[in-house]
Amino acid sequence: MATDKKLLIKGLQRLVYTLGLMFAGPVVLYQAFKNEDHPFYIPVLVFGAILAIGAVAMGFYSIKTLLDALFGSKK
């Protein structure tokens, strides 16, 4: 089995995006909980939750891409 180098690069790029989301989500959530009396509390909280859920989903998706690059996709 040969490694698909283009798919491997794509998977690594997605892991970098995942890493960014993994830091951005908790930071935004922390800022929302720190400013509970602010009028934009709910929108910032929802945005932080979306970023955190996106980090988990993107993590699974990027690992799946890496595994497809290394071992080949199911056919």
Protein backbone atom coordinates (compact mmCIF):
# COMPACT_ATOMS: atom_id res chain seq x y z
CA MET A 1 0.00 0.00 0.00
CA ALA A 2 1.39 3.35 -1.02
CA THR A 3 0.64 6.52 0.88
CA ASP A 4 -1.44 9.09 -0.98
CA LYS A 5 0.74 12.16 -0.44
CA LYS A 6 -1.85 14.73 -1.57
CA LEU A 7 -4.44 13.29 0.80
CA LEU A 8 -1.85 13.17 3.58
CA ILE A 9 -1.08 16.87 3.13
CA LYS A 10 -4.80 17.63 3.11
CA GLY A 11 -5.24 15.70 6.37
CA LEU A 12 -2.35 17.52 8.02
CA GLN A 13 -3.79 20.87 6.96
CA ARG A 14 -7.11 19.89 8.49
CA LEU A 15 -5.31 18.96 11.70
CA VAL A 16 -3.84 22.48 11.81
CA TYR A 17 -7.35 23.94 11.43
CA THR A 18 -8.52 21.60 14.17
CA LEU A 19 -5.77 22.82 16.45
CA GLY A 20 -6.88 26.40 15.84
CA LEU A 21 -10.47 25.52 16.67
CA MET A 22 -9.34 23.64 19.78
CA PHE A 23 -7.85 26.85 21.13
CA ALA A 24 -10.45 29.30 19.82
CA GLY A 25 -13.51 27.47 21.19
CA PRO A 26 -12.51 27.39 24.87
CA VAL A 27 -11.15 30.97 24.74
CA VAL A 28 -14.46 32.29 23.38
CA LEU A 29 -16.42 30.23 25.91
CA TYR A 30 -14.24 31.54 28.74
CA GLN A 31 -14.81 35.11 27.61
CA ALA A 32 -18.56 34.51 27.46
CA PHE A 33 -18.70 33.09 30.99
CA LYS A 34 -16.47 35.88 32.28
CA ASN A 35 -18.89 38.56 30.98
CA GLU A 36 -22.29 37.14 31.89
CA ASP A 37 -23.83 40.60 32.41
CA HIS A 38 -22.87 41.79 28.92
CA PRO A 39 -25.69 42.11 26.33
CA PHE A 40 -23.82 39.87 23.87
CA TYR A 41 -23.46 37.03 26.39
CA ILE A 42 -25.79 34.59 24.62
CA PRO A 43 -24.45 35.15 21.05
CA VAL A 44 -20.84 34.79 22.22
CA LEU A 45 -21.73 31.69 24.22
CA VAL A 46 -23.45 30.11 21.21
CA PHE A 47 -20.53 31.03 18.95
CA GLY A 48 -18.07 29.46 21.40
CA ALA A 49 -20.15 26.30 21.63
CA ILE A 50 -20.26 26.05 17.83
CA LEU A 51 -16.47 26.45 17.71
CA ALA A 52 -16.00 23.74 20.34
CA ILE A 53 -18.33 21.31 18.57
CA GLY A 54 -16.64 22.18 15.29
CA ALA A 55 -13.26 21.32 16.81
CA VAL A 56 -14.46 17.85 17.80
CA ALA A 57 -16.08 17.21 14.41
CA MET A 58 -13.09 18.55 12.50
CA GLY A 59 -10.81 16.37 14.63
CA PHE A 60 -12.66 13.21 13.66
CA TYR A 61 -12.81 14.29 10.02
CA SER A 62 -9.10 15.12 9.83
CA ILE A 63 -8.10 11.83 11.47
CA LYS A 64 -10.33 9.97 9.02
CA THR A 65 -8.59 11.78 6.14
CA LEU A 66 -5.18 10.85 7.51
CA LEU A 67 -6.17 7.20 7.89
CA ASP A 68 -7.56 7.16 4.34
CA ALA A 69 -4.25 8.58 3.10
CA LEU A 70 -2.17 6.02 4.97
CA PHE A 71 -4.26 2.87 4.56
CA GLY A 72 -6.51 3.61 1.60
CA SER A 73 -10.21 4.31 1.62
CA LYS A 74 -12.93 1.68 1.83
CA LYS A 75 -14.21 0.60 -1.55
